[in-house]
Amino acid sequence: FKSAVYLQMDSLKPEDTATYYCNIKLGITD
């Protein structure tokens, strides 16, 4: 309904440090 996707991240670790990117696949195109 909100056209939204979420990522709940718990118990985070230092190795989770990164830039996080949202992705959508339309056909064969990212």
PDB file of all heavy atoms in Angstrom:
ATOM      1  N   PHE A   1       0.828  -1.209   0.000  1.00  0.00           N
ATOM      2  CA  PHE A   1       0.000   0.000   0.000  1.00  0.00           C
ATOM      3  C   PHE A   1       0.863   1.261   0.000  1.00  0.00           C
ATOM      4  O   PHE A   1       0.495   2.278  -0.567  1.00  0.00           O
ATOM      5  CB  PHE A   1      -0.950   0.002   1.193  1.00  0.00           C
ATOM      6  CG  PHE A   1      -2.032  -1.025   1.103  1.00  0.00           C
ATOM      7  CD1 PHE A   1      -1.955  -2.196   1.844  1.00  0.00           C
ATOM      8  CD2 PHE A   1      -3.115  -0.852   0.262  1.00  0.00           C
ATOM      9  CE1 PHE A   1      -2.936  -3.161   1.744  1.00  0.00           C
ATOM     10  CE2 PHE A   1      -4.109  -1.807   0.161  1.00  0.00           C
ATOM     11  CZ  PHE A   1      -4.021  -2.958   0.898  1.00  0.00           C
ATOM     12  N   LYS A   2       2.012   1.170   0.649  1.00  0.00           N
ATOM     13  CA  LYS A   2       2.919   2.311   0.714  1.00  0.00           C
ATOM     14  C   LYS A   2       4.023   2.240  -0.336  1.00  0.00           C
ATOM     15  O   LYS A   2       4.855   3.137  -0.408  1.00  0.00           O
ATOM     16  CB  LYS A   2       3.553   2.402   2.102  1.00  0.00           C
ATOM     17  CG  LYS A   2       2.559   2.674   3.218  1.00  0.00           C
ATOM     18  CD  LYS A   2       3.274   2.796   4.553  1.00  0.00           C
ATOM     19  CE  LYS A   2       2.279   3.104   5.664  1.00  0.00           C
ATOM     20  NZ  LYS A   2       2.948   3.220   6.992  1.00  0.00           N
ATOM     21  N   SER A   3       4.024   1.168  -1.111  1.00  0.00           N
ATOM     22  CA  SER A   3       5.088   0.959  -2.116  1.00  0.00           C
ATOM     23  C   SER A   3       6.456   1.080  -1.459  1.00  0.00           C
ATOM     24  O   SER A   3       7.354   1.803  -1.950  1.00  0.00           O
ATOM     25  CB  SER A   3       4.949   1.980  -3.262  1.00  0.00           C
ATOM     26  OG  SER A   3       3.722   1.806  -3.925  1.00  0.00           O
ATOM     27  N   ALA A   4       6.611   0.379  -0.363  1.00  0.00           N
ATOM     28  CA  ALA A   4       7.839   0.467   0.417  1.00  0.00           C
ATOM     29  C   ALA A   4       8.361  -0.915   0.773  1.00  0.00           C
ATOM     30  O   ALA A   4       7.593  -1.857   0.956  1.00  0.00           O
ATOM     31  CB  ALA A   4       7.589   1.262   1.701  1.00  0.00           C
ATOM     32  N   VAL A   5       9.659  -1.005   0.866  1.00  0.00           N
ATOM     33  CA  VAL A   5      10.316  -2.213   1.337  1.00  0.00           C
ATOM     34  C   VAL A   5      11.206  -1.822   2.511  1.00  0.00           C
ATOM     35  O   VAL A   5      11.792  -0.737   2.523  1.00  0.00           O
ATOM     36  CB  VAL A   5      11.119  -2.902   0.211  1.00  0.00           C
ATOM     37  CG1 VAL A   5      12.227  -2.015  -0.317  1.00  0.00           C
ATOM     38  CG2 VAL A   5      11.668  -4.234   0.680  1.00  0.00           C
ATOM     39  N   TYR A   6      11.265  -2.708   3.488  1.00  0.00           N
ATOM     40  CA  TYR A   6      11.983  -2.416   4.720  1.00  0.00           C
ATOM     41  C   TYR A   6      13.032  -3.495   4.994  1.00  0.00           C
ATOM     42  O   TYR A   6      12.871  -4.648   4.590  1.00  0.00           O
ATOM     43  CB  TYR A   6      11.022  -2.345   5.901  1.00  0.00           C
ATOM     44  CG  TYR A   6       9.877  -1.392   5.695  1.00  0.00           C
ATOM     45  CD1 TYR A   6       8.619  -1.857   5.342  1.00  0.00           C
ATOM     46  CD2 TYR A   6      10.050  -0.018   5.828  1.00  0.00           C
ATOM     47  CE1 TYR A   6       7.558  -0.992   5.135  1.00  0.00           C
ATOM     48  CE2 TYR A   6       8.999   0.857   5.629  1.00  0.00           C
ATOM     49  CZ  TYR A   6       7.764   0.370   5.274  1.00  0.00           C
ATOM     50  OH  TYR A   6       6.716   1.235   5.070  1.00  0.00           O
ATOM     51  N   LEU A   7      14.065  -3.091   5.703  1.00  0.00           N
ATOM     52  CA  LEU A   7      15.053  -4.040   6.180  1.00  0.00           C
ATOM     53  C   LEU A   7      15.261  -3.773   7.664  1.00  0.00           C
ATOM     54  O   LEU A   7      15.862  -2.760   8.044  1.00  0.00           O
ATOM     55  CB  LEU A   7      16.378  -3.916   5.424  1.00  0.00           C
ATOM     56  CG  LEU A   7      17.434  -4.950   5.800  1.00  0.00           C
ATOM     57  CD1 LEU A   7      16.992  -6.351   5.326  1.00  0.00           C
ATOM     58  CD2 LEU A   7      18.789  -4.609   5.187  1.00  0.00           C
ATOM     59  N   GLN A   8      14.741  -4.653   8.494  1.00  0.00           N
ATOM     60  CA  GLN A   8      14.953  -4.566   9.932  1.00  0.00           C
ATOM     61  C   GLN A   8      16.245  -5.294  10.260  1.00  0.00           C
ATOM     62  O   GLN A   8      16.383  -6.480   9.959  1.00  0.00           O
ATOM     63  CB  GLN A   8      13.785  -5.203  10.684  1.00  0.00           C
ATOM     64  CG  GLN A   8      13.950  -5.212  12.194  1.00  0.00           C
ATOM     65  CD  GLN A   8      13.945  -3.817  12.789  1.00  0.00           C
ATOM     66  OE1 GLN A   8      13.153  -2.967  12.374  1.00  0.00           O
ATOM     67  NE2 GLN A   8      14.828  -3.574  13.742  1.00  0.00           N
ATOM     68  N   MET A   9      17.172  -4.571  10.854  1.00  0.00           N
ATOM     69  CA  MET A   9      18.484  -5.133  11.151  1.00  0.00           C
ATOM     70  C   MET A   9      18.694  -5.134  12.663  1.00  0.00           C
ATOM     71  O   MET A   9      18.734  -4.074  13.290  1.00  0.00           O
ATOM     72  CB  MET A   9      19.579  -4.303  10.467  1.00  0.00           C
ATOM     73  CG  MET A   9      19.383  -4.153   8.955  1.00  0.00           C
ATOM     74  SD  MET A   9      20.749  -3.317   8.146  1.00  0.00           S
ATOM     75  CE  MET A   9      20.602  -1.682   8.848  1.00  0.00           C
ATOM     76  N   ASP A  10      18.788  -6.307  13.227  1.00  0.00           N
ATOM     77  CA  ASP A  10      19.001  -6.478  14.672  1.00  0.00           C
ATOM     78  C   ASP A  10      20.349  -7.139  14.917  1.00  0.00           C
ATOM     79  O   ASP A  10      20.941  -7.727  14.018  1.00  0.00           O
ATOM     80  CB  ASP A  10      17.875  -7.318  15.266  1.00  0.00           C
ATOM     81  CG  ASP A  10      16.512  -6.681  15.107  1.00  0.00           C
ATOM     82  OD1 ASP A  10      16.406  -5.446  15.262  1.00  0.00           O
ATOM     83  OD2 ASP A  10      15.544  -7.421  14.830  1.00  0.00           O
ATOM     84  N   SER A  11      20.795  -7.053  16.158  1.00  0.00           N
ATOM     85  CA  SER A  11      22.073  -7.669  16.552  1.00  0.00           C
ATOM     86  C   SER A  11      23.178  -7.283  15.579  1.00  0.00           C
ATOM     87  O   SER A  11      23.942  -8.143  15.107  1.00  0.00           O
ATOM     88  CB  SER A  11      21.925  -9.190  16.626  1.00  0.00           C
ATOM     89  OG  SER A  11      20.917  -9.561  17.533  1.00  0.00           O
ATOM     90  N   LEU A  12      23.252  -6.021  15.284  1.00  0.00           N
ATOM     91  CA  LEU A  12      24.220  -5.558  14.296  1.00  0.00           C
ATOM     92  C   LEU A  12      25.649  -5.775  14.766  1.00  0.00           C
ATOM     93  O   LEU A  12      25.958  -5.684  15.955  1.00  0.00           O
ATOM     94  CB  LEU A  12      23.985  -4.074  13.990  1.00  0.00           C
ATOM     95  CG  LEU A  12      22.805  -3.809  13.040  1.00  0.00           C
ATOM     96  CD1 LEU A  12      22.319  -2.379  13.147  1.00  0.00           C
ATOM     97  CD2 LEU A  12      23.207  -4.135  11.613  1.00  0.00           C
ATOM     98  N   LYS A  13      26.500  -6.074  13.789  1.00  0.00           N
ATOM     99  CA  LYS A  13      27.909  -6.333  14.040  1.00  0.00           C
ATOM    100  C   LYS A  13      28.755  -5.302  13.269  1.00  0.00           C
ATOM    101  O   LYS A  13      28.304  -4.779  12.244  1.00  0.00           O
ATOM    102  CB  LYS A  13      28.268  -7.737  13.561  1.00  0.00           C
ATOM    103  CG  LYS A  13      27.447  -8.848  14.171  1.00  0.00           C
ATOM    104  CD  LYS A  13      27.812 -10.191  13.549  1.00  0.00           C
ATOM    105  CE  LYS A  13      26.987 -11.318  14.130  1.00  0.00           C
ATOM    106  NZ  LYS A  13      27.329 -12.634  13.525  1.00  0.00           N
ATOM    107  N   PRO A  14      29.967  -5.059  13.709  1.00  0.00           N
ATOM    108  CA  PRO A  14      30.833  -4.136  12.957  1.00  0.00           C
ATOM    109  C   PRO A  14      30.992  -4.521  11.492  1.00  0.00           C
ATOM    110  O   PRO A  14      31.092  -3.645  10.625  1.00  0.00           O
ATOM    111  CB  PRO A  14      32.160  -4.219  13.720  1.00  0.00           C
ATOM    112  CG  PRO A  14      31.758  -4.542  15.120  1.00  0.00           C
ATOM    113  CD  PRO A  14      30.580  -5.472  14.977  1.00  0.00           C
ATOM    114  N   GLU A  15      30.978  -5.817  11.208  1.00  0.00           N
ATOM    115  CA  GLU A  15      31.123  -6.251   9.813  1.00  0.00           C
ATOM    116  C   GLU A  15      29.892  -5.976   8.963  1.00  0.00           C
ATOM    117  O   GLU A  15      29.923  -6.177   7.748  1.00  0.00           O
ATOM    118  CB  GLU A  15      31.483  -7.740   9.741  1.00  0.00           C
ATOM    119  CG  GLU A  15      30.589  -8.660  10.543  1.00  0.00           C
ATOM    120  CD  GLU A  15      31.177  -8.994  11.901  1.00  0.00           C
ATOM    121  OE1 GLU A  15      31.685  -8.069  12.588  1.00  0.00           O
ATOM    122  OE2 GLU A  15      31.088 -10.179  12.287  1.00  0.00           O
ATOM    123  N   ASP A  16      28.812  -5.504   9.572  1.00  0.00           N
ATOM    124  CA  ASP A  16      27.641  -5.072   8.801  1.00  0.00           C
ATOM    125  C   ASP A  16      27.808  -3.652   8.275  1.00  0.00           C
ATOM    126  O   ASP A  16      26.964  -3.169   7.509  1.00  0.00           O
ATOM    127  CB  ASP A  16      26.377  -5.145   9.663  1.00  0.00           C
ATOM    128  CG  ASP A  16      26.016  -6.549  10.059  1.00  0.00           C
ATOM    129  OD1 ASP A  16      26.112  -7.461   9.208  1.00  0.00           O
ATOM    130  OD2 ASP A  16      25.633  -6.758  11.233  1.00  0.00           O
ATOM    131  N   THR A  17      28.862  -2.982   8.702  1.00  0.00           N
ATOM    132  CA  THR A  17      29.120  -1.624   8.228  1.00  0.00           C
ATOM    133  C   THR A  17      29.274  -1.620   6.711  1.00  0.00           C
ATOM    134  O   THR A  17      30.088  -2.363   6.160  1.00  0.00           O
ATOM    135  CB  THR A  17      30.387  -1.064   8.879  1.00  0.00           C
ATOM    136  OG1 THR A  17      30.163  -0.925  10.281  1.00  0.00           O
ATOM    137  CG2 THR A  17      30.748   0.288   8.291  1.00  0.00           C
ATOM    138  N   ALA A  18      28.465  -0.804   6.044  1.00  0.00           N
ATOM    139  CA  ALA A  18      28.464  -0.746   4.585  1.00  0.00           C
ATOM    140  C   ALA A  18      27.477   0.325   4.129  1.00  0.00           C
ATOM    141  O   ALA A  18      26.688   0.835   4.925  1.00  0.00           O
ATOM    142  CB  ALA A  18      28.059  -2.093   3.988  1.00  0.00           C
ATOM    143  N   THR A  19      27.515   0.601   2.845  1.00  0.00           N
ATOM    144  CA  THR A  19      26.440   1.368   2.235  1.00  0.00           C
ATOM    145  C   THR A  19      25.409   0.372   1.719  1.00  0.00           C
ATOM    146  O   THR A  19      25.757  -0.558   0.988  1.00  0.00           O
ATOM    147  CB  THR A  19      26.964   2.247   1.084  1.00  0.00           C
ATOM    148  OG1 THR A  19      27.917   3.177   1.602  1.00  0.00           O
ATOM    149  CG2 THR A  19      25.821   3.022   0.441  1.00  0.00           C
ATOM    150  N   TYR A  20      24.173   0.582   2.107  1.00  0.00           N
ATOM    151  CA  TYR A  20      23.090  -0.323   1.752  1.00  0.00           C
ATOM    152  C   TYR A  20      22.273   0.288   0.623  1.00  0.00           C
ATOM    153  O   TYR A  20      21.884   1.462   0.682  1.00  0.00           O
ATOM    154  CB  TYR A  20      22.214  -0.590   2.970  1.00  0.00           C
ATOM    155  CG  TYR A  20      22.862  -1.528   3.955  1.00  0.00           C
ATOM    156  CD1 TYR A  20      23.965  -1.127   4.711  1.00  0.00           C
ATOM    157  CD2 TYR A  20      22.402  -2.837   4.115  1.00  0.00           C
ATOM    158  CE1 TYR A  20      24.585  -1.991   5.590  1.00  0.00           C
ATOM    159  CE2 TYR A  20      23.005  -3.710   5.007  1.00  0.00           C
ATOM    160  CZ  TYR A  20      24.101  -3.276   5.734  1.00  0.00           C
ATOM    161  OH  TYR A  20      24.715  -4.146   6.616  1.00  0.00           O
ATOM    162  N   TYR A  21      22.019  -0.532  -0.381  1.00  0.00           N
ATOM    163  CA  TYR A  21      21.315  -0.089  -1.577  1.00  0.00           C
ATOM    164  C   TYR A  21      20.010  -0.857  -1.757  1.00  0.00           C
ATOM    165  O   TYR A  21      19.977  -2.087  -1.642  1.00  0.00           O
ATOM    166  CB  TYR A  21      22.175  -0.311  -2.817  1.00  0.00           C
ATOM    167  CG  TYR A  21      23.439   0.504  -2.850  1.00  0.00           C
ATOM    168  CD1 TYR A  21      24.623   0.013  -2.316  1.00  0.00           C
ATOM    169  CD2 TYR A  21      23.457   1.775  -3.427  1.00  0.00           C
ATOM    170  CE1 TYR A  21      25.795   0.753  -2.346  1.00  0.00           C
ATOM    171  CE2 TYR A  21      24.625   2.526  -3.466  1.00  0.00           C
ATOM    172  CZ  TYR A  21      25.779   2.010  -2.913  1.00  0.00           C
ATOM    173  OH  TYR A  21      26.936   2.745  -2.951  1.00  0.00           O
ATOM    174  N   CYS A  22      18.983  -0.123  -2.090  1.00  0.00           N
ATOM    175  CA  CYS A  22      17.706  -0.716  -2.454  1.00  0.00           C
ATOM    176  C   CYS A  22      17.729  -1.074  -3.931  1.00  0.00           C
ATOM    177  O   CYS A  22      18.318  -0.342  -4.748  1.00  0.00           O
ATOM    178  CB  CYS A  22      16.599   0.293  -2.159  1.00  0.00           C
ATOM    179  SG  CYS A  22      14.932  -0.282  -2.493  1.00  0.00           S
ATOM    180  N   ASN A  23      17.099  -2.177  -4.267  1.00  0.00           N
ATOM    181  CA  ASN A  23      17.115  -2.665  -5.649  1.00  0.00           C
ATOM    182  C   ASN A  23      15.720  -3.090  -6.082  1.00  0.00           C
ATOM    183  O   ASN A  23      14.966  -3.666  -5.301  1.00  0.00           O
ATOM    184  CB  ASN A  23      18.070  -3.849  -5.746  1.00  0.00           C
ATOM    185  CG  ASN A  23      17.940  -4.620  -7.039  1.00  0.00           C
ATOM    186  OD1 ASN A  23      17.148  -5.556  -7.170  1.00  0.00           O
ATOM    187  ND2 ASN A  23      18.721  -4.223  -8.024  1.00  0.00           N
ATOM    188  N   ILE A  24      15.413  -2.819  -7.337  1.00  0.00           N
ATOM    189  CA  ILE A  24      14.205  -3.352  -7.955  1.00  0.00           C
ATOM    190  C   ILE A  24      14.583  -3.911  -9.323  1.00  0.00           C
ATOM    191  O   ILE A  24      15.413  -3.324 -10.037  1.00  0.00           O
ATOM    192  CB  ILE A  24      13.091  -2.284  -8.085  1.00  0.00           C
ATOM    193  CG1 ILE A  24      11.804  -2.920  -8.609  1.00  0.00           C
ATOM    194  CG2 ILE A  24      13.534  -1.123  -8.965  1.00  0.00           C
ATOM    195  CD1 ILE A  24      10.596  -1.982  -8.538  1.00  0.00           C
ATOM    196  N   LYS A  25      14.009  -5.059  -9.627  1.00  0.00           N
ATOM    197  CA  LYS A  25      14.251  -5.671 -10.925  1.00  0.00           C
ATOM    198  C   LYS A  25      13.023  -5.478 -11.808  1.00  0.00           C
ATOM    199  O   LYS A  25      11.939  -5.927 -11.460  1.00  0.00           O
ATOM    200  CB  LYS A  25      14.533  -7.165 -10.763  1.00  0.00           C
ATOM    201  CG  LYS A  25      15.793  -7.463  -9.988  1.00  0.00           C
ATOM    202  CD  LYS A  25      16.057  -8.957  -9.933  1.00  0.00           C
ATOM    203  CE  LYS A  25      17.258  -9.279  -9.068  1.00  0.00           C
ATOM    204  NZ  LYS A  25      18.510  -8.706  -9.593  1.00  0.00           N
ATOM    205  N   LEU A  26      13.198  -4.812 -12.915  1.00  0.00           N
ATOM    206  CA  LEU A  26      12.134  -4.645 -13.894  1.00  0.00           C
ATOM    207  C   LEU A  26      12.554  -5.408 -15.139  1.00  0.00           C
ATOM    208  O   LEU A  26      13.419  -4.956 -15.897  1.00  0.00           O
ATOM    209  CB  LEU A  26      11.914  -3.159 -14.203  1.00  0.00           C
ATOM    210  CG  LEU A  26      11.537  -2.275 -13.008  1.00  0.00           C
ATOM    211  CD1 LEU A  26      11.319  -0.835 -13.452  1.00  0.00           C
ATOM    212  CD2 LEU A  26      10.300  -2.811 -12.311  1.00  0.00           C
ATOM    213  N   GLY A  27      11.977  -6.580 -15.308  1.00  0.00           N
ATOM    214  CA  GLY A  27      12.421  -7.435 -16.397  1.00  0.00           C
ATOM    215  C   GLY A  27      13.828  -7.923 -16.122  1.00  0.00           C
ATOM    216  O   GLY A  27      14.094  -8.542 -15.100  1.00  0.00           O
ATOM    217  N   ILE A  28      14.742  -7.612 -17.023  1.00  0.00           N
ATOM    218  CA  ILE A  28      16.132  -8.023 -16.840  1.00  0.00           C
ATOM    219  C   ILE A  28      16.999  -6.871 -16.357  1.00  0.00           C
ATOM    220  O   ILE A  28      18.217  -7.015 -16.238  1.00  0.00           O
ATOM    221  CB  ILE A  28      16.712  -8.591 -18.147  1.00  0.00           C
ATOM    222  CG1 ILE A  28      16.694  -7.514 -19.254  1.00  0.00           C
ATOM    223  CG2 ILE A  28      15.952  -9.828 -18.582  1.00  0.00           C
ATOM    224  CD1 ILE A  28      17.444  -7.940 -20.503  1.00  0.00           C
ATOM    225  N   THR A  29      16.396  -5.757 -16.044  1.00  0.00           N
ATOM    226  CA  THR A  29      17.140  -4.554 -15.667  1.00  0.00           C
ATOM    227  C   THR A  29      17.052  -4.303 -14.176  1.00  0.00           C
ATOM    228  O   THR A  29      15.975  -4.341 -13.594  1.00  0.00           O
ATOM    229  CB  THR A  29      16.611  -3.328 -16.426  1.00  0.00           C
ATOM    230  OG1 THR A  29      16.685  -3.583 -17.835  1.00  0.00           O
ATOM    231  CG2 THR A  29      17.443  -2.097 -16.096  1.00  0.00           C
ATOM    232  N   ASP A  30      18.220  -4.039 -13.589  1.00  0.00           N
ATOM    233  CA  ASP A  30      18.299  -3.672 -12.182  1.00  0.00           C
ATOM    234  C   ASP A  30      18.342  -2.154 -12.041  1.00  0.00           C
ATOM    235  O   ASP A  30      19.073  -1.481 -12.780  1.00  0.00           O
ATOM    236  CB  ASP A  30      19.559  -4.253 -11.541  1.00  0.00           C
ATOM    237  CG  ASP A  30      19.439  -5.729 -11.263  1.00  0.00           C
ATOM    238  OD1 ASP A  30      18.558  -6.099 -10.465  1.00  0.00           O
ATOM    239  OD2 ASP A  30      20.213  -6.505 -11.844  1.00  0.00           O
TER     240      ASP A  30
END
